[in-house]
Amino acid sequence: MGLQASIDIQFSQDLSPKDIVIKLINSGWKIDFEGCVTFIMPTDIDDYDWKTLKYSDFKLEEFINFHSDENNLGIVLVSSNNIGGEFLIYSGWMSFSLSINRVYLSSDTKIVDFSFYLEKLRPFTKMIKVSSIQCELTY
């Protein structure tokens, strides 16, 4: 199965997944990874059928507006140095799968440097109220 790493953030109150993705983008995360955008359509209920479009063909505003305030939202986001992964955003929490250019504590270990990711998420977490953050690494 391989290594899986994720960070789950529980919100103190229900929030619109649309607002959450906008806050993530406004705090430095970007949708463009190697000229493409990867996302889940709002009509995809629990299938997690990720779609990919060229960045130039993707219209973020249309994607956001296609979701209702209650729709779950799935999108790949990366930081300025192209480190990131899949974000699954629900009204009460979000899960961030650390899958793109994963950062480790050292080159000789497969222990993910969660502090790196938490620092990248810090501007976002300052915008909302968080009730818990859970970092998980599974071999």
N, C-alpha and C. Protein backbone atom coordinates (compact mmCIF):
# COMPACT_ATOMS: atom_id res chain seq x y z
N MET A 1 0.82 -1.18 0.00
CA MET A 1 0.00 0.00 0.00
C MET A 1 0.86 1.24 0.00
N GLY A 2 1.94 1.28 0.71
CA GLY A 2 2.80 2.44 0.71
C GLY A 2 2.49 3.41 1.83
N LEU A 3 3.31 4.40 1.93
CA LEU A 3 3.20 5.40 2.98
C LEU A 3 2.04 6.35 2.71
N GLN A 4 1.26 6.62 3.76
CA GLN A 4 0.19 7.61 3.68
C GLN A 4 0.40 8.61 4.81
N ALA A 5 0.28 9.88 4.48
CA ALA A 5 0.43 10.94 5.48
C ALA A 5 -0.69 11.94 5.29
N SER A 6 -1.26 12.39 6.40
CA SER A 6 -2.36 13.35 6.29
C SER A 6 -2.41 14.24 7.53
N ILE A 7 -3.06 15.37 7.34
CA ILE A 7 -3.35 16.29 8.43
C ILE A 7 -4.85 16.56 8.37
N ASP A 8 -5.53 16.27 9.46
CA ASP A 8 -6.97 16.53 9.56
C ASP A 8 -7.18 17.69 10.51
N ILE A 9 -7.99 18.65 10.08
CA ILE A 9 -8.29 19.83 10.89
C ILE A 9 -9.79 19.88 11.13
N GLN A 10 -10.16 19.86 12.40
CA GLN A 10 -11.55 19.97 12.82
C GLN A 10 -11.83 21.44 13.11
N PHE A 11 -12.89 21.98 12.51
CA PHE A 11 -13.26 23.37 12.73
C PHE A 11 -14.12 23.47 13.99
N SER A 12 -14.06 24.60 14.67
CA SER A 12 -14.86 24.82 15.88
C SER A 12 -16.33 25.02 15.55
N GLN A 13 -16.62 25.34 14.30
CA GLN A 13 -18.00 25.52 13.87
C GLN A 13 -18.09 25.11 12.41
N ASP A 14 -19.29 24.86 11.93
CA ASP A 14 -19.46 24.53 10.52
C ASP A 14 -19.15 25.75 9.66
N LEU A 15 -18.41 25.51 8.60
CA LEU A 15 -18.03 26.56 7.66
C LEU A 15 -18.33 26.07 6.25
N SER A 16 -18.53 26.98 5.34
CA SER A 16 -18.76 26.61 3.95
C SER A 16 -17.46 26.11 3.33
N PRO A 17 -17.46 24.90 2.75
CA PRO A 17 -16.26 24.43 2.06
C PRO A 17 -15.78 25.40 0.98
N LYS A 18 -16.71 26.11 0.34
CA LYS A 18 -16.33 27.12 -0.65
C LYS A 18 -15.50 28.21 0.00
N ASP A 19 -15.92 28.66 1.17
CA ASP A 19 -15.17 29.70 1.88
C ASP A 19 -13.80 29.19 2.32
N ILE A 20 -13.75 27.93 2.72
CA ILE A 20 -12.48 27.34 3.18
C ILE A 20 -11.46 27.32 2.04
N VAL A 21 -11.87 26.86 0.85
CA VAL A 21 -10.91 26.81 -0.26
C VAL A 21 -10.45 28.21 -0.63
N ILE A 22 -11.32 29.18 -0.57
CA ILE A 22 -10.92 30.57 -0.86
C ILE A 22 -9.93 31.06 0.19
N LYS A 23 -10.17 30.74 1.45
CA LYS A 23 -9.24 31.13 2.52
C LYS A 23 -7.87 30.46 2.32
N LEU A 24 -7.87 29.19 1.91
CA LEU A 24 -6.60 28.50 1.65
C LEU A 24 -5.84 29.18 0.52
N ILE A 25 -6.53 29.52 -0.55
CA ILE A 25 -5.88 30.20 -1.68
C ILE A 25 -5.39 31.58 -1.25
N ASN A 26 -6.19 32.29 -0.49
CA ASN A 26 -5.78 33.62 -0.01
C ASN A 26 -4.62 33.56 0.99
N SER A 27 -4.39 32.39 1.58
CA SER A 27 -3.28 32.26 2.53
C SER A 27 -2.04 31.65 1.87
N GLY A 28 -2.02 31.59 0.53
CA GLY A 28 -0.79 31.20 -0.15
C GLY A 28 -0.82 29.89 -0.90
N TRP A 29 -1.86 29.09 -0.77
CA TRP A 29 -1.95 27.84 -1.51
C TRP A 29 -2.42 28.14 -2.93
N LYS A 30 -1.98 27.32 -3.88
CA LYS A 30 -2.37 27.56 -5.27
C LYS A 30 -2.94 26.29 -5.90
N ILE A 31 -3.78 26.50 -6.92
CA ILE A 31 -4.44 25.38 -7.59
C ILE A 31 -3.62 24.86 -8.76
N ASP A 32 -2.68 25.62 -9.23
CA ASP A 32 -1.88 25.27 -10.41
C ASP A 32 -0.69 24.41 -10.00
N PHE A 33 -0.75 23.13 -10.37
CA PHE A 33 0.38 22.24 -10.15
C PHE A 33 0.80 21.69 -11.50
N GLU A 34 1.97 22.10 -11.95
CA GLU A 34 2.55 21.67 -13.22
C GLU A 34 1.59 21.92 -14.39
N GLY A 35 0.92 23.09 -14.36
CA GLY A 35 0.05 23.49 -15.45
C GLY A 35 -1.33 22.85 -15.45
N CYS A 36 -1.67 22.15 -14.37
CA CYS A 36 -2.96 21.46 -14.29
C CYS A 36 -3.64 21.76 -12.96
N VAL A 37 -4.96 21.53 -12.95
CA VAL A 37 -5.76 21.63 -11.73
C VAL A 37 -6.47 20.28 -11.58
N THR A 38 -6.39 19.71 -10.39
CA THR A 38 -7.03 18.43 -10.10
C THR A 38 -8.10 18.66 -9.04
N PHE A 39 -9.29 18.11 -9.26
CA PHE A 39 -10.43 18.42 -8.41
C PHE A 39 -11.46 17.30 -8.48
N ILE A 40 -12.45 17.39 -7.60
CA ILE A 40 -13.60 16.49 -7.60
C ILE A 40 -14.84 17.33 -7.92
N MET A 41 -15.66 16.85 -8.82
CA MET A 41 -16.90 17.55 -9.16
C MET A 41 -17.87 17.49 -7.98
N PRO A 42 -18.68 18.52 -7.78
CA PRO A 42 -19.64 18.49 -6.66
C PRO A 42 -20.71 17.41 -6.83
N THR A 43 -20.89 16.91 -8.05
CA THR A 43 -21.85 15.83 -8.27
C THR A 43 -21.28 14.47 -7.89
N ASP A 44 -20.00 14.41 -7.60
CA ASP A 44 -19.33 13.17 -7.20
C ASP A 44 -19.59 12.95 -5.71
N ILE A 45 -20.45 12.01 -5.42
CA ILE A 45 -20.80 11.74 -4.02
C ILE A 45 -20.09 10.45 -3.60
N ASP A 46 -19.01 10.60 -2.86
CA ASP A 46 -18.27 9.50 -2.25
C ASP A 46 -17.54 8.58 -3.23
N ASP A 47 -17.43 8.95 -4.51
CA ASP A 47 -16.65 8.13 -5.44
C ASP A 47 -15.20 8.59 -5.51
N TYR A 48 -14.94 9.85 -5.20
CA TYR A 48 -13.59 10.43 -5.22
C TYR A 48 -12.92 10.21 -6.57
N ASP A 49 -13.67 10.52 -7.63
CA ASP A 49 -13.19 10.41 -9.00
C ASP A 49 -12.54 11.74 -9.38
N TRP A 50 -11.24 11.84 -9.13
CA TRP A 50 -10.51 13.08 -9.36
C TRP A 50 -10.42 13.36 -10.86
N LYS A 51 -10.67 14.61 -11.23
CA LYS A 51 -10.59 15.07 -12.62
C LYS A 51 -9.40 16.03 -12.73
N THR A 52 -8.81 16.11 -13.90
CA THR A 52 -7.71 17.03 -14.14
C THR A 52 -7.98 17.83 -15.41
N LEU A 53 -7.77 19.14 -15.32
CA LEU A 53 -7.87 20.04 -16.47
C LEU A 53 -6.60 20.86 -16.55
N LYS A 54 -6.30 21.34 -17.75
CA LYS A 54 -5.22 22.31 -17.89
C LYS A 54 -5.59 23.54 -17.05
N TYR A 55 -4.59 24.13 -16.44
CA TYR A 55 -4.83 25.33 -15.63
C TYR A 55 -5.53 26.42 -16.45
N SER A 56 -5.14 26.58 -17.70
CA SER A 56 -5.73 27.62 -18.55
C SER A 56 -7.21 27.35 -18.87
N ASP A 57 -7.66 26.10 -18.75
CA ASP A 57 -9.05 25.75 -19.02
C ASP A 57 -9.92 25.75 -17.76
N PHE A 58 -9.31 25.82 -16.61
CA PHE A 58 -10.05 25.74 -15.34
C PHE A 58 -10.48 27.13 -14.90
N LYS A 59 -11.72 27.26 -14.57
CA LYS A 59 -12.28 28.54 -14.09
C LYS A 59 -12.63 28.37 -12.61
N LEU A 60 -11.78 28.90 -11.74
CA LEU A 60 -11.98 28.73 -10.30
C LEU A 60 -13.33 29.27 -9.84
N GLU A 61 -13.69 30.45 -10.32
CA GLU A 61 -14.96 31.05 -9.89
C GLU A 61 -16.15 30.16 -10.27
N GLU A 62 -16.12 29.61 -11.48
CA GLU A 62 -17.20 28.71 -11.91
C GLU A 62 -17.21 27.45 -11.04
N PHE A 63 -16.04 26.90 -10.77
CA PHE A 63 -15.94 25.71 -9.92
C PHE A 63 -16.52 25.99 -8.55
N ILE A 64 -16.14 27.11 -7.95
CA ILE A 64 -16.65 27.48 -6.62
C ILE A 64 -18.17 27.68 -6.69
N ASN A 65 -18.65 28.41 -7.67
CA ASN A 65 -20.08 28.71 -7.78
C ASN A 65 -20.92 27.48 -8.09
N PHE A 66 -20.31 26.47 -8.68
CA PHE A 66 -21.02 25.23 -8.99
C PHE A 66 -21.35 24.45 -7.72
N HIS A 67 -20.64 24.72 -6.64
CA HIS A 67 -20.89 24.08 -5.34
C HIS A 67 -21.92 24.88 -4.56
N SER A 68 -22.75 24.18 -3.81
CA SER A 68 -23.61 24.88 -2.85
C SER A 68 -22.77 25.09 -1.59
N ASP A 69 -23.29 25.86 -0.65
CA ASP A 69 -22.55 26.11 0.59
C ASP A 69 -22.33 24.82 1.40
N GLU A 70 -23.15 23.80 1.15
CA GLU A 70 -23.07 22.56 1.91
C GLU A 70 -22.25 21.48 1.21
N ASN A 71 -22.01 21.63 -0.10
CA ASN A 71 -21.27 20.60 -0.85
C ASN A 71 -19.86 20.40 -0.31
N ASN A 72 -19.46 19.14 -0.20
CA ASN A 72 -18.07 18.84 0.08
C ASN A 72 -17.26 19.28 -1.13
N LEU A 73 -15.99 19.56 -0.90
CA LEU A 73 -15.15 20.07 -1.98
C LEU A 73 -13.82 19.34 -1.96
N GLY A 74 -13.37 18.89 -3.11
CA GLY A 74 -12.08 18.23 -3.23
C GLY A 74 -11.24 18.93 -4.28
N ILE A 75 -10.02 19.31 -3.89
CA ILE A 75 -9.13 19.99 -4.83
C ILE A 75 -7.67 19.78 -4.40
N VAL A 76 -6.79 19.70 -5.37
CA VAL A 76 -5.36 19.62 -5.09
C VAL A 76 -4.82 21.04 -4.97
N LEU A 77 -4.09 21.27 -3.89
CA LEU A 77 -3.45 22.57 -3.66
C LEU A 77 -1.98 22.34 -3.35
N VAL A 78 -1.15 23.28 -3.79
CA VAL A 78 0.28 23.21 -3.50
C VAL A 78 0.75 24.57 -2.99
N SER A 79 1.83 24.53 -2.25
CA SER A 79 2.45 25.77 -1.78
C SER A 79 3.30 26.35 -2.92
N SER A 80 3.93 27.47 -2.67
CA SER A 80 4.72 28.14 -3.71
C SER A 80 5.88 27.28 -4.22
N ASN A 81 6.33 26.31 -3.42
CA ASN A 81 7.42 25.44 -3.86
C ASN A 81 6.91 24.07 -4.34
N ASN A 82 5.62 24.03 -4.76
CA ASN A 82 5.00 22.82 -5.31
C ASN A 82 5.01 21.63 -4.36
N ILE A 83 4.75 21.89 -3.10
CA ILE A 83 4.59 20.84 -2.10
C ILE A 83 3.15 20.91 -1.63
N GLY A 84 2.45 19.79 -1.65
CA GLY A 84 1.05 19.81 -1.24
C GLY A 84 0.38 18.47 -1.39
N GLY A 85 -0.89 18.51 -1.83
CA GLY A 85 -1.64 17.28 -1.99
C GLY A 85 -3.13 17.54 -2.12
N GLU A 86 -3.90 16.49 -1.86
CA GLU A 86 -5.34 16.55 -2.01
C GLU A 86 -5.99 17.09 -0.74
N PHE A 87 -6.86 18.06 -0.92
CA PHE A 87 -7.64 18.62 0.18
C PHE A 87 -9.09 18.16 0.00
N LEU A 88 -9.62 17.47 0.98
CA LEU A 88 -11.05 17.14 1.02
C LEU A 88 -11.65 18.01 2.11
N ILE A 89 -12.58 18.87 1.71
CA ILE A 89 -13.10 19.88 2.62
C ILE A 89 -14.58 19.64 2.85
N TYR A 90 -14.95 19.53 4.10
CA TYR A 90 -16.32 19.33 4.54
C TYR A 90 -16.71 20.54 5.38
N SER A 91 -17.96 20.65 5.76
CA SER A 91 -18.39 21.84 6.51
C SER A 91 -17.78 21.89 7.91
N GLY A 92 -17.47 20.77 8.50
CA GLY A 92 -16.94 20.76 9.86
C GLY A 92 -15.47 20.42 9.98
N TRP A 93 -14.85 19.99 8.89
CA TRP A 93 -13.45 19.59 8.95
C TRP A 93 -12.87 19.47 7.55
N MET A 94 -11.55 19.32 7.51
CA MET A 94 -10.88 19.06 6.23
C MET A 94 -9.75 18.07 6.45
N SER A 95 -9.48 17.32 5.41
CA SER A 95 -8.39 16.36 5.42
C SER A 95 -7.43 16.72 4.29
N PHE A 96 -6.17 16.82 4.62
CA PHE A 96 -5.11 17.18 3.68
C PHE A 96 -4.18 15.98 3.55
N SER A 97 -4.22 15.33 2.40
CA SER A 97 -3.35 14.19 2.12
C SER A 97 -2.04 14.71 1.55
N LEU A 98 -0.95 14.45 2.26
CA LEU A 98 0.37 14.97 1.88
C LEU A 98 0.97 14.03 0.82
N SER A 99 0.74 14.35 -0.45
CA SER A 99 1.11 13.41 -1.49
C SER A 99 1.99 13.98 -2.59
N ILE A 100 2.16 15.29 -2.65
CA ILE A 100 2.95 15.89 -3.73
C ILE A 100 4.27 16.43 -3.16
N ASN A 101 5.38 15.87 -3.65
CA ASN A 101 6.72 16.29 -3.23
C ASN A 101 6.85 16.31 -1.71
N ARG A 102 6.49 15.21 -1.10
CA ARG A 102 6.44 15.08 0.36
C ARG A 102 7.77 15.47 1.01
N VAL A 103 7.67 16.18 2.13
CA VAL A 103 8.85 16.64 2.87
C VAL A 103 9.06 15.73 4.07
N TYR A 104 10.32 15.24 4.22
CA TYR A 104 10.67 14.35 5.33
C TYR A 104 11.63 15.05 6.29
N LEU A 105 11.71 14.53 7.51
CA LEU A 105 12.60 15.10 8.51
C LEU A 105 14.06 15.03 8.07
N SER A 106 14.42 13.94 7.41
CA SER A 106 15.77 13.82 6.85
C SER A 106 15.71 12.91 5.64
N SER A 107 16.76 12.91 4.86
CA SER A 107 16.76 12.12 3.62
C SER A 107 16.85 10.62 3.88
N ASP A 108 17.29 10.22 5.06
CA ASP A 108 17.44 8.79 5.34
C ASP A 108 16.28 8.19 6.13
N THR A 109 15.20 8.96 6.30
CA THR A 109 14.06 8.46 7.04
C THR A 109 12.78 8.71 6.27
N LYS A 110 11.79 7.95 6.52
CA LYS A 110 10.47 8.14 5.91
C LYS A 110 9.50 8.70 6.95
N ILE A 111 9.99 9.62 7.77
CA ILE A 111 9.14 10.30 8.74
C ILE A 111 8.84 11.69 8.18
N VAL A 112 7.56 11.93 7.96
CA VAL A 112 7.13 13.19 7.37
C VAL A 112 7.37 14.34 8.34
N ASP A 113 7.81 15.46 7.81
CA ASP A 113 8.05 16.66 8.60
C ASP A 113 6.73 17.44 8.73
N PHE A 114 5.90 17.01 9.68
CA PHE A 114 4.60 17.65 9.85
C PHE A 114 4.73 19.12 10.22
N SER A 115 5.80 19.49 10.90
CA SER A 115 5.96 20.90 11.28
C SER A 115 6.07 21.79 10.04
N PHE A 116 6.68 21.28 8.97
CA PHE A 116 6.77 22.03 7.73
C PHE A 116 5.36 22.35 7.21
N TYR A 117 4.51 21.33 7.16
CA TYR A 117 3.15 21.50 6.64
C TYR A 117 2.30 22.38 7.56
N LEU A 118 2.45 22.18 8.86
CA LEU A 118 1.68 23.00 9.81
C LEU A 118 2.07 24.47 9.70
N GLU A 119 3.34 24.73 9.44
CA GLU A 119 3.78 26.12 9.24
C GLU A 119 3.16 26.69 7.96
N LYS A 120 3.08 25.89 6.91
CA LYS A 120 2.44 26.34 5.66
C LYS A 120 0.94 26.59 5.86
N LEU A 121 0.32 25.85 6.77
CA LEU A 121 -1.11 26.00 7.05
C LEU A 121 -1.41 27.10 8.07
N ARG A 122 -0.38 27.59 8.75
CA ARG A 122 -0.58 28.56 9.83
C ARG A 122 -1.35 29.80 9.40
N PRO A 123 -1.05 30.45 8.26
CA PRO A 123 -1.86 31.62 7.87
C PRO A 123 -3.34 31.28 7.72
N PHE A 124 -3.64 30.09 7.21
CA PHE A 124 -5.03 29.66 7.08
C PHE A 124 -5.66 29.43 8.46
N THR A 125 -4.97 28.73 9.34
CA THR A 125 -5.57 28.41 10.64
C THR A 125 -5.75 29.66 11.50
N LYS A 126 -5.03 30.73 11.18
CA LYS A 126 -5.24 31.99 11.90
C LYS A 126 -6.54 32.67 11.47
N MET A 127 -7.10 32.27 10.31
CA MET A 127 -8.33 32.86 9.78
C MET A 127 -9.61 32.21 10.34
N ILE A 128 -9.46 31.03 10.92
CA ILE A 128 -10.63 30.28 11.39
C ILE A 128 -10.39 29.83 12.82
N LYS A 129 -11.43 29.31 13.45
CA LYS A 129 -11.30 28.71 14.77
C LYS A 129 -11.18 27.21 14.59
N VAL A 130 -10.13 26.64 15.19
CA VAL A 130 -9.82 25.22 15.05
C VAL A 130 -10.07 24.54 16.39
N SER A 131 -10.72 23.37 16.35
CA SER A 131 -10.90 22.63 17.60
C SER A 131 -9.87 21.50 17.75
N SER A 132 -9.36 20.99 16.63
CA SER A 132 -8.31 19.98 16.73
C SER A 132 -7.54 19.86 15.41
N ILE A 133 -6.29 19.45 15.54
CA ILE A 133 -5.45 19.13 14.39
C ILE A 133 -4.83 17.78 14.67
N GLN A 134 -4.96 16.86 13.72
CA GLN A 134 -4.41 15.53 13.87
C GLN A 134 -3.50 15.21 12.70
N CYS A 135 -2.26 14.85 13.00
CA CYS A 135 -1.29 14.44 11.98
C CYS A 135 -1.16 12.93 12.04
N GLU A 136 -1.24 12.28 10.87
CA GLU A 136 -1.18 10.83 10.86
C GLU A 136 -0.23 10.35 9.77
N LEU A 137 0.58 9.36 10.13
CA LEU A 137 1.52 8.73 9.22
C LEU A 137 1.33 7.24 9.34
N THR A 138 1.03 6.59 8.20
CA THR A 138 0.79 5.16 8.18
C THR A 138 1.71 4.52 7.15
N TYR A 139 2.40 3.48 7.58
CA TYR A 139 3.31 2.76 6.68
C TYR A 139 2.61 1.57 6.07
